[in-house]
């Protein structure tokens, strides 16, 4: 591990939380469910990133954390497809 890797991981996690807050604000203004899906997806990715640092698990035991990211990306795909199919 690099000496400042936890610091940079915290910055990245904070960036995901900020992106989630922006999309949530866009959802409140427009009531478009795509923005809500993006907000929840970025929140899930932020939680996954935070848990990686907080739990400090070895690489072999982190596989379940990727299921959280998989859920976020599946949510994004479903929301984008849902938006395009409705048109």
PDB file of N, CA and C in Angstrom:
ATOM      1  N   UNK A   1       0.835  -1.188   0.000  1.00  0.00           N
ATOM      2  CA  UNK A   1       0.000   0.000   0.000  1.00  0.00           C
ATOM      3  C   UNK A   1       0.874   1.243   0.000  1.00  0.00           C
ATOM      4  N   UNK A   2       0.372   2.250  -0.670  1.00  0.00           N
ATOM      5  CA  UNK A   2       1.065   3.529  -0.691  1.00  0.00           C
ATOM      6  C   UNK A   2       0.791   4.268   0.616  1.00  0.00           C
ATOM      7  N   UNK A   3       1.671   5.157   1.009  1.00  0.00           N
ATOM      8  CA  UNK A   3       1.480   5.823   2.297  1.00  0.00           C
ATOM      9  C   UNK A   3       0.212   6.676   2.370  1.00  0.00           C
ATOM     10  N   UNK A   4      -0.207   7.254   1.267  1.00  0.00           N
ATOM     11  CA  UNK A   4      -1.372   8.134   1.288  1.00  0.00           C
ATOM     12  C   UNK A   4      -2.578   7.525   0.584  1.00  0.00           C
ATOM     13  N   UNK A   5      -2.608   6.237   0.422  1.00  0.00           N
ATOM     14  CA  UNK A   5      -3.700   5.626  -0.330  1.00  0.00           C
ATOM     15  C   UNK A   5      -5.041   5.782   0.377  1.00  0.00           C
ATOM     16  N   UNK A   6      -5.073   5.739   1.699  1.00  0.00           N
ATOM     17  CA  UNK A   6      -6.333   5.918   2.417  1.00  0.00           C
ATOM     18  C   UNK A   6      -6.847   7.350   2.253  1.00  0.00           C
ATOM     19  N   UNK A   7      -5.923   8.295   2.215  1.00  0.00           N
ATOM     20  CA  UNK A   7      -6.307   9.695   2.010  1.00  0.00           C
ATOM     21  C   UNK A   7      -6.953   9.873   0.632  1.00  0.00           C
ATOM     22  N   UNK A   8      -6.330   9.331  -0.398  1.00  0.00           N
ATOM     23  CA  UNK A   8      -6.874   9.455  -1.751  1.00  0.00           C
ATOM     24  C   UNK A   8      -8.170   8.677  -1.903  1.00  0.00           C
ATOM     25  N   UNK A   9      -8.279   7.546  -1.250  1.00  0.00           N
ATOM     26  CA  UNK A   9      -9.532   6.788  -1.292  1.00  0.00           C
ATOM     27  C   UNK A   9     -10.654   7.586  -0.620  1.00  0.00           C
ATOM     28  N   UNK A  10     -10.345   8.299   0.419  1.00  0.00           N
ATOM     29  CA  UNK A  10     -11.329   9.171   1.068  1.00  0.00           C
ATOM     30  C   UNK A  10     -11.758  10.310   0.165  1.00  0.00           C
ATOM     31  N   UNK A  11     -10.812  10.869  -0.576  1.00  0.00           N
ATOM     32  CA  UNK A  11     -11.156  11.936  -1.520  1.00  0.00           C
ATOM     33  C   UNK A  11     -12.069  11.416  -2.626  1.00  0.00           C
ATOM     34  N   UNK A  12     -11.771  10.225  -3.118  1.00  0.00           N
ATOM     35  CA  UNK A  12     -12.605   9.634  -4.166  1.00  0.00           C
ATOM     36  C   UNK A  12     -14.000   9.337  -3.633  1.00  0.00           C
ATOM     37  N   UNK A  13     -14.081   8.815  -2.411  1.00  0.00           N
ATOM     38  CA  UNK A  13     -15.375   8.535  -1.793  1.00  0.00           C
ATOM     39  C   UNK A  13     -16.180   9.819  -1.624  1.00  0.00           C
ATOM     40  N   UNK A  14     -15.517  10.875  -1.184  1.00  0.00           N
ATOM     41  CA  UNK A  14     -16.187  12.160  -1.039  1.00  0.00           C
ATOM     42  C   UNK A  14     -16.700  12.655  -2.388  1.00  0.00           C
ATOM     43  N   UNK A  15     -15.936  12.442  -3.444  1.00  0.00           N
ATOM     44  CA  UNK A  15     -16.387  12.829  -4.779  1.00  0.00           C
ATOM     45  C   UNK A  15     -17.640  12.084  -5.202  1.00  0.00           C
ATOM     46  N   UNK A  16     -17.709  10.804  -4.878  1.00  0.00           N
ATOM     47  CA  UNK A  16     -18.920  10.029  -5.179  1.00  0.00           C
ATOM     48  C   UNK A  16     -20.119  10.560  -4.395  1.00  0.00           C
ATOM     49  N   UNK A  17     -19.906  10.904  -3.116  1.00  0.00           N
ATOM     50  CA  UNK A  17     -20.991  11.466  -2.310  1.00  0.00           C
ATOM     51  C   UNK A  17     -21.464  12.805  -2.876  1.00  0.00           C
ATOM     52  N   UNK A  18     -20.542  13.637  -3.323  1.00  0.00           N
ATOM     53  CA  UNK A  18     -20.908  14.930  -3.908  1.00  0.00           C
ATOM     54  C   UNK A  18     -21.693  14.716  -5.203  1.00  0.00           C
ATOM     55  N   UNK A  19     -21.254  13.791  -6.035  1.00  0.00           N
ATOM     56  CA  UNK A  19     -21.992  13.495  -7.263  1.00  0.00           C
ATOM     57  C   UNK A  19     -23.394  12.994  -6.945  1.00  0.00           C
ATOM     58  N   UNK A  20     -23.510  12.168  -5.919  1.00  0.00           N
ATOM     59  CA  UNK A  20     -24.819  11.679  -5.503  1.00  0.00           C
ATOM     60  C   UNK A  20     -25.708  12.826  -5.053  1.00  0.00           C
ATOM     61  N   UNK A  21     -25.145  13.767  -4.304  1.00  0.00           N
ATOM     62  CA  UNK A  21     -25.930  14.924  -3.840  1.00  0.00           C
ATOM     63  C   UNK A  21     -26.372  15.801  -5.005  1.00  0.00           C
ATOM     64  N   UNK A  22     -25.509  16.002  -5.997  1.00  0.00           N
ATOM     65  CA  UNK A  22     -25.894  16.803  -7.155  1.00  0.00           C
ATOM     66  C   UNK A  22     -27.033  16.139  -7.921  1.00  0.00           C
ATOM     67  N   UNK A  23     -26.930  14.838  -8.163  1.00  0.00           N
ATOM     68  CA  UNK A  23     -27.999  14.161  -8.895  1.00  0.00           C
ATOM     69  C   UNK A  23     -29.291  14.148  -8.091  1.00  0.00           C
ATOM     70  N   UNK A  24     -29.176  14.056  -6.765  1.00  0.00           N
ATOM     71  CA  UNK A  24     -30.377  14.114  -5.940  1.00  0.00           C
ATOM     72  C   UNK A  24     -31.033  15.484  -6.050  1.00  0.00           C
ATOM     73  N   UNK A  25     -30.231  16.536  -6.083  1.00  0.00           N
ATOM     74  CA  UNK A  25     -30.772  17.882  -6.238  1.00  0.00           C
ATOM     75  C   UNK A  25     -31.445  18.046  -7.607  1.00  0.00           C
ATOM     76  N   UNK A  26     -30.825  17.477  -8.642  1.00  0.00           N
ATOM     77  CA  UNK A  26     -31.444  17.535  -9.972  1.00  0.00           C
ATOM     78  C   UNK A  26     -32.771  16.775  -9.984  1.00  0.00           C
ATOM     79  N   UNK A  27     -32.825  15.660  -9.244  1.00  0.00           N
ATOM     80  CA  UNK A  27     -34.074  14.894  -9.182  1.00  0.00           C
ATOM     81  C   UNK A  27     -35.169  15.689  -8.476  1.00  0.00           C
ATOM     82  N   UNK A  28     -34.805  16.393  -7.395  1.00  0.00           N
ATOM     83  CA  UNK A  28     -35.793  17.199  -6.672  1.00  0.00           C
ATOM     84  C   UNK A  28     -36.354  18.286  -7.576  1.00  0.00           C
ATOM     85  N   UNK A  29     -35.505  18.890  -8.396  1.00  0.00           N
ATOM     86  CA  UNK A  29     -35.955  19.961  -9.289  1.00  0.00           C
ATOM     87  C   UNK A  29     -36.796  19.456 -10.449  1.00  0.00           C
ATOM     88  N   UNK A  30     -36.420  18.306 -11.020  1.00  0.00           N
ATOM     89  CA  UNK A  30     -37.076  17.869 -12.254  1.00  0.00           C
ATOM     90  C   UNK A  30     -38.013  16.676 -12.086  1.00  0.00           C
ATOM     91  N   UNK A  31     -37.914  15.954 -11.004  1.00  0.00           N
ATOM     92  CA  UNK A  31     -38.700  14.731 -10.745  1.00  0.00           C
ATOM     93  C   UNK A  31     -38.467  13.662 -11.809  1.00  0.00           C
ATOM     94  N   UNK A  32     -37.308  13.678 -12.444  1.00  0.00           N
ATOM     95  CA  UNK A  32     -36.946  12.665 -13.435  1.00  0.00           C
ATOM     96  C   UNK A  32     -36.289  11.496 -12.709  1.00  0.00           C
ATOM     97  N   UNK A  33     -36.839  10.312 -12.881  1.00  0.00           N
ATOM     98  CA  UNK A  33     -36.337   9.144 -12.157  1.00  0.00           C
ATOM     99  C   UNK A  33     -34.917   8.747 -12.553  1.00  0.00           C
ATOM    100  N   UNK A  34     -34.470   9.182 -13.724  1.00  0.00           N
ATOM    101  CA  UNK A  34     -33.100   8.886 -14.129  1.00  0.00           C
ATOM    102  C   UNK A  34     -32.104   9.562 -13.182  1.00  0.00           C
ATOM    103  N   UNK A  35     -32.398  10.784 -12.765  1.00  0.00           N
ATOM    104  CA  UNK A  35     -31.524  11.466 -11.817  1.00  0.00           C
ATOM    105  C   UNK A  35     -31.518  10.761 -10.464  1.00  0.00           C
ATOM    106  N   UNK A  36     -32.659  10.248 -10.049  1.00  0.00           N
ATOM    107  CA  UNK A  36     -32.715   9.501  -8.790  1.00  0.00           C
ATOM    108  C   UNK A  36     -31.891   8.224  -8.886  1.00  0.00           C
ATOM    109  N   UNK A  37     -31.956   7.543 -10.019  1.00  0.00           N
ATOM    110  CA  UNK A  37     -31.172   6.330 -10.210  1.00  0.00           C
ATOM    111  C   UNK A  37     -29.677   6.633 -10.179  1.00  0.00           C
ATOM    112  N   UNK A  38     -29.265   7.729 -10.813  1.00  0.00           N
ATOM    113  CA  UNK A  38     -27.861   8.114 -10.778  1.00  0.00           C
ATOM    114  C   UNK A  38     -27.430   8.466  -9.354  1.00  0.00           C
ATOM    115  N   UNK A  39     -28.300   9.137  -8.609  1.00  0.00           N
ATOM    116  CA  UNK A  39     -27.975   9.499  -7.235  1.00  0.00           C
ATOM    117  C   UNK A  39     -27.785   8.258  -6.370  1.00  0.00           C
ATOM    118  N   UNK A  40     -28.679   7.309  -6.488  1.00  0.00           N
ATOM    119  CA  UNK A  40     -28.574   6.073  -5.700  1.00  0.00           C
ATOM    120  C   UNK A  40     -27.358   5.261  -6.132  1.00  0.00           C
ATOM    121  N   UNK A  41     -27.087   5.223  -7.431  1.00  0.00           N
ATOM    122  CA  UNK A  41     -25.933   4.475  -7.923  1.00  0.00           C
ATOM    123  C   UNK A  41     -24.628   5.072  -7.399  1.00  0.00           C
ATOM    124  N   UNK A  42     -24.495   6.391  -7.443  1.00  0.00           N
ATOM    125  CA  UNK A  42     -23.284   7.007  -6.906  1.00  0.00           C
ATOM    126  C   UNK A  42     -23.185   6.824  -5.398  1.00  0.00           C
ATOM    127  N   UNK A  43     -24.315   6.797  -4.724  1.00  0.00           N
ATOM    128  CA  UNK A  43     -24.301   6.533  -3.277  1.00  0.00           C
ATOM    129  C   UNK A  43     -23.817   5.116  -2.993  1.00  0.00           C
ATOM    130  N   UNK A  44     -24.275   4.145  -3.778  1.00  0.00           N
ATOM    131  CA  UNK A  44     -23.815   2.766  -3.606  1.00  0.00           C
ATOM    132  C   UNK A  44     -22.316   2.630  -3.882  1.00  0.00           C
ATOM    133  N   UNK A  45     -21.833   3.309  -4.902  1.00  0.00           N
ATOM    134  CA  UNK A  45     -20.405   3.252  -5.209  1.00  0.00           C
ATOM    135  C   UNK A  45     -19.600   3.923  -4.096  1.00  0.00           C
ATOM    136  N   UNK A  46     -20.118   5.008  -3.536  1.00  0.00           N
ATOM    137  CA  UNK A  46     -19.433   5.674  -2.426  1.00  0.00           C
ATOM    138  C   UNK A  46     -19.374   4.772  -1.198  1.00  0.00           C
ATOM    139  N   UNK A  47     -20.462   4.081  -0.921  1.00  0.00           N
ATOM    140  CA  UNK A  47     -20.478   3.161   0.222  1.00  0.00           C
ATOM    141  C   UNK A  47     -19.490   2.028  -0.003  1.00  0.00           C
ATOM    142  N   UNK A  48     -19.448   1.513  -1.199  1.00  0.00           N
ATOM    143  CA  UNK A  48     -18.500   0.448  -1.516  1.00  0.00           C
ATOM    144  C   UNK A  48     -17.063   0.922  -1.349  1.00  0.00           C
ATOM    145  N   UNK A  49     -16.791   2.118  -1.819  1.00  0.00           N
ATOM    146  CA  UNK A  49     -15.446   2.674  -1.700  1.00  0.00           C
ATOM    147  C   UNK A  49     -15.082   2.931  -0.242  1.00  0.00           C
ATOM    148  N   UNK A  50     -16.024   3.430   0.529  1.00  0.00           N
ATOM    149  CA  UNK A  50     -15.760   3.693   1.943  1.00  0.00           C
ATOM    150  C   UNK A  50     -15.537   2.392   2.720  1.00  0.00           C
ATOM    151  N   UNK A  51     -16.332   1.379   2.414  1.00  0.00           N
ATOM    152  CA  UNK A  51     -16.167   0.104   3.110  1.00  0.00           C
ATOM    153  C   UNK A  51     -14.825  -0.551   2.799  1.00  0.00           C
ATOM    154  N   UNK A  52     -14.323  -0.335   1.605  1.00  0.00           N
ATOM    155  CA  UNK A  52     -13.019  -0.880   1.240  1.00  0.00           C
ATOM    156  C   UNK A  52     -11.932  -0.358   2.165  1.00  0.00           C
ATOM    157  N   UNK A  53     -11.986   0.924   2.475  1.00  0.00           N
ATOM    158  CA  UNK A  53     -10.968   1.532   3.331  1.00  0.00           C
ATOM    159  C   UNK A  53     -11.235   1.247   4.799  1.00  0.00           C
ATOM    160  N   UNK A  54     -12.483   1.373   5.221  1.00  0.00           N
ATOM    161  CA  UNK A  54     -12.817   1.229   6.637  1.00  0.00           C
ATOM    162  C   UNK A  54     -12.566  -0.193   7.127  1.00  0.00           C
ATOM    163  N   UNK A  55     -12.944  -1.170   6.324  1.00  0.00           N
ATOM    164  CA  UNK A  55     -12.792  -2.558   6.757  1.00  0.00           C
ATOM    165  C   UNK A  55     -11.370  -3.072   6.575  1.00  0.00           C
ATOM    166  N   UNK A  56     -10.614  -2.449   5.692  1.00  0.00           N
ATOM    167  CA  UNK A  56      -9.223  -2.831   5.372  1.00  0.00           C
ATOM    168  C   UNK A  56      -9.053  -4.350   5.254  1.00  0.00           C
ATOM    169  N   UNK A  57      -9.862  -4.917   4.387  1.00  0.00           N
ATOM    170  CA  UNK A  57      -9.808  -6.351   4.141  1.00  0.00           C
ATOM    171  C   UNK A  57      -8.684  -6.683   3.175  1.00  0.00           C
ATOM    172  N   UNK A  58      -8.123  -7.869   3.271  1.00  0.00           N
ATOM    173  CA  UNK A  58      -7.167  -8.295   2.235  1.00  0.00           C
ATOM    174  C   UNK A  58      -7.870  -8.414   0.884  1.00  0.00           C
ATOM    175  N   UNK A  59      -7.093  -8.379  -0.175  1.00  0.00           N
ATOM    176  CA  UNK A  59      -7.669  -8.403  -1.521  1.00  0.00           C
ATOM    177  C   UNK A  59      -8.523  -9.641  -1.763  1.00  0.00           C
ATOM    178  N   UNK A  60      -8.174 -10.752  -1.167  1.00  0.00           N
ATOM    179  CA  UNK A  60      -8.914 -11.995  -1.412  1.00  0.00           C
ATOM    180  C   UNK A  60     -10.320 -11.962  -0.826  1.00  0.00           C
ATOM    181  N   UNK A  61     -10.545 -11.134   0.191  1.00  0.00           N
ATOM    182  CA  UNK A  61     -11.842 -11.108   0.866  1.00  0.00           C
ATOM    183  C   UNK A  61     -12.703  -9.910   0.474  1.00  0.00           C
ATOM    184  N   UNK A  62     -12.342  -9.194  -0.567  1.00  0.00           N
ATOM    185  CA  UNK A  62     -13.096  -8.017  -0.993  1.00  0.00           C
ATOM    186  C   UNK A  62     -14.116  -8.304  -2.079  1.00  0.00           C
ATOM    187  N   UNK A  63     -14.264  -9.534  -2.480  1.00  0.00           N
ATOM    188  CA  UNK A  63     -15.109  -9.823  -3.639  1.00  0.00           C
ATOM    189  C   UNK A  63     -16.565  -9.451  -3.398  1.00  0.00           C
ATOM    190  N   UNK A  64     -17.060  -9.565  -2.191  1.00  0.00           N
ATOM    191  CA  UNK A  64     -18.459  -9.230  -1.930  1.00  0.00           C
ATOM    192  C   UNK A  64     -18.712  -7.726  -2.067  1.00  0.00           C
ATOM    193  N   UNK A  65     -17.663  -6.904  -1.905  1.00  0.00           N
ATOM    194  CA  UNK A  65     -17.845  -5.466  -2.083  1.00  0.00           C
ATOM    195  C   UNK A  65     -18.143  -5.114  -3.536  1.00  0.00           C
ATOM    196  N   UNK A  66     -17.674  -5.932  -4.446  1.00  0.00           N
ATOM    197  CA  UNK A  66     -17.939  -5.663  -5.857  1.00  0.00           C
ATOM    198  C   UNK A  66     -19.391  -5.940  -6.226  1.00  0.00           C
ATOM    199  N   UNK A  67     -20.098  -6.700  -5.408  1.00  0.00           N
ATOM    200  CA  UNK A  67     -21.530  -6.903  -5.648  1.00  0.00           C
ATOM    201  C   UNK A  67     -22.307  -5.606  -5.456  1.00  0.00           C
ATOM    202  N   UNK A  68     -21.827  -4.754  -4.540  1.00  0.00           N
ATOM    203  CA  UNK A  68     -22.467  -3.454  -4.348  1.00  0.00           C
ATOM    204  C   UNK A  68     -22.278  -2.599  -5.596  1.00  0.00           C
ATOM    205  N   UNK A  69     -21.073  -2.608  -6.158  1.00  0.00           N
ATOM    206  CA  UNK A  69     -20.827  -1.856  -7.386  1.00  0.00           C
ATOM    207  C   UNK A  69     -21.612  -2.441  -8.550  1.00  0.00           C
ATOM    208  N   UNK A  70     -21.716  -3.762  -8.586  1.00  0.00           N
ATOM    209  CA  UNK A  70     -22.503  -4.401  -9.638  1.00  0.00           C
ATOM    210  C   UNK A  70     -23.960  -3.956  -9.553  1.00  0.00           C
ATOM    211  N   UNK A  71     -24.492  -3.878  -8.340  1.00  0.00           N
ATOM    212  CA  UNK A  71     -25.870  -3.405  -8.166  1.00  0.00           C
ATOM    213  C   UNK A  71     -26.025  -1.972  -8.660  1.00  0.00           C
ATOM    214  N   UNK A  72     -25.020  -1.135  -8.412  1.00  0.00           N
ATOM    215  CA  UNK A  72     -25.075   0.256  -8.874  1.00  0.00           C
ATOM    216  C   UNK A  72     -25.089   0.323 -10.394  1.00  0.00           C
ATOM    217  N   UNK A  73     -24.236  -0.444 -11.034  1.00  0.00           N
ATOM    218  CA  UNK A  73     -24.178  -0.400 -12.497  1.00  0.00           C
ATOM    219  C   UNK A  73     -25.412  -1.030 -13.128  1.00  0.00           C
ATOM    220  N   UNK A  74     -25.959  -2.066 -12.532  1.00  0.00           N
ATOM    221  CA  UNK A  74     -27.208  -2.653 -13.040  1.00  0.00           C
ATOM    222  C   UNK A  74     -28.341  -1.650 -12.898  1.00  0.00           C
ATOM    223  N   UNK A  75     -28.368  -0.924 -11.782  1.00  0.00           N
ATOM    224  CA  UNK A  75     -29.381   0.108 -11.587  1.00  0.00           C
ATOM    225  C   UNK A  75     -29.276   1.174 -12.666  1.00  0.00           C
ATOM    226  N   UNK A  76     -28.062   1.585 -12.996  1.00  0.00           N
ATOM    227  CA  UNK A  76     -27.877   2.578 -14.052  1.00  0.00           C
ATOM    228  C   UNK A  76     -28.342   2.059 -15.407  1.00  0.00           C
ATOM    229  N   UNK A  77     -27.989   0.833 -15.725  1.00  0.00           N
ATOM    230  CA  UNK A  77     -28.384   0.256 -17.013  1.00  0.00           C
ATOM    231  C   UNK A  77     -29.903   0.152 -17.118  1.00  0.00           C
ATOM    232  N   UNK A  78     -30.540  -0.317 -16.047  1.00  0.00           N
ATOM    233  CA  UNK A  78     -31.996  -0.448 -16.061  1.00  0.00           C
ATOM    234  C   UNK A  78     -32.665   0.916 -16.189  1.00  0.00           C
ATOM    235  N   UNK A  79     -32.136   1.919 -15.492  1.00  0.00           N
ATOM    236  CA  UNK A  79     -32.733   3.253 -15.552  1.00  0.00           C
ATOM    237  C   UNK A  79     -32.573   3.872 -16.942  1.00  0.00           C
ATOM    238  N   UNK A  80     -31.411   3.710 -17.545  1.00  0.00           N
ATOM    239  CA  UNK A  80     -31.191   4.257 -18.886  1.00  0.00           C
ATOM    240  C   UNK A  80     -32.052   3.545 -19.917  1.00  0.00           C
ATOM    241  N   UNK A  81     -32.111   2.218 -19.821  1.00  0.00           N
ATOM    242  CA  UNK A  81     -32.972   1.479 -20.756  1.00  0.00           C
ATOM    243  C   UNK A  81     -34.435   1.838 -20.543  1.00  0.00           C
ATOM    244  N   UNK A  82     -34.853   1.976 -19.293  1.00  0.00           N
ATOM    245  CA  UNK A  82     -36.234   2.354 -19.017  1.00  0.00           C
ATOM    246  C   UNK A  82     -36.581   3.714 -19.581  1.00  0.00           C
ATOM    247  N   UNK A  83     -35.650   4.631 -19.491  1.00  0.00           N
ATOM    248  CA  UNK A  83     -35.888   5.980 -20.027  1.00  0.00           C
ATOM    249  C   UNK A  83     -35.986   5.951 -21.544  1.00  0.00           C
ATOM    250  N   UNK A  84     -35.152   5.147 -22.201  1.00  0.00           N
ATOM    251  CA  UNK A  84     -35.160   5.088 -23.656  1.00  0.00           C
ATOM    252  C   UNK A  84     -36.320   4.283 -24.214  1.00  0.00           C
ATOM    253  N   UNK A  85     -36.787   3.284 -23.494  1.00  0.00           N
ATOM    254  CA  UNK A  85     -37.883   2.452 -23.979  1.00  0.00           C
ATOM    255  C   UNK A  85     -39.205   3.198 -23.871  1.00  0.00           C
ATOM    256  N   UNK A  86     -39.346   4.042 -22.859  1.00  0.00           N
ATOM    257  CA  UNK A  86     -40.588   4.794 -22.682  1.00  0.00           C
ATOM    258  C   UNK A  86     -40.860   5.757 -23.829  1.00  0.00           C
ATOM    259  N   UNK A  87     -39.836   6.216 -24.501  1.00  0.00           N
ATOM    260  CA  UNK A  87     -40.029   7.154 -25.613  1.00  0.00           C
ATOM    261  C   UNK A  87     -40.563   6.419 -26.774  1.00  0.00           C
TER     262      UNK A  87
END
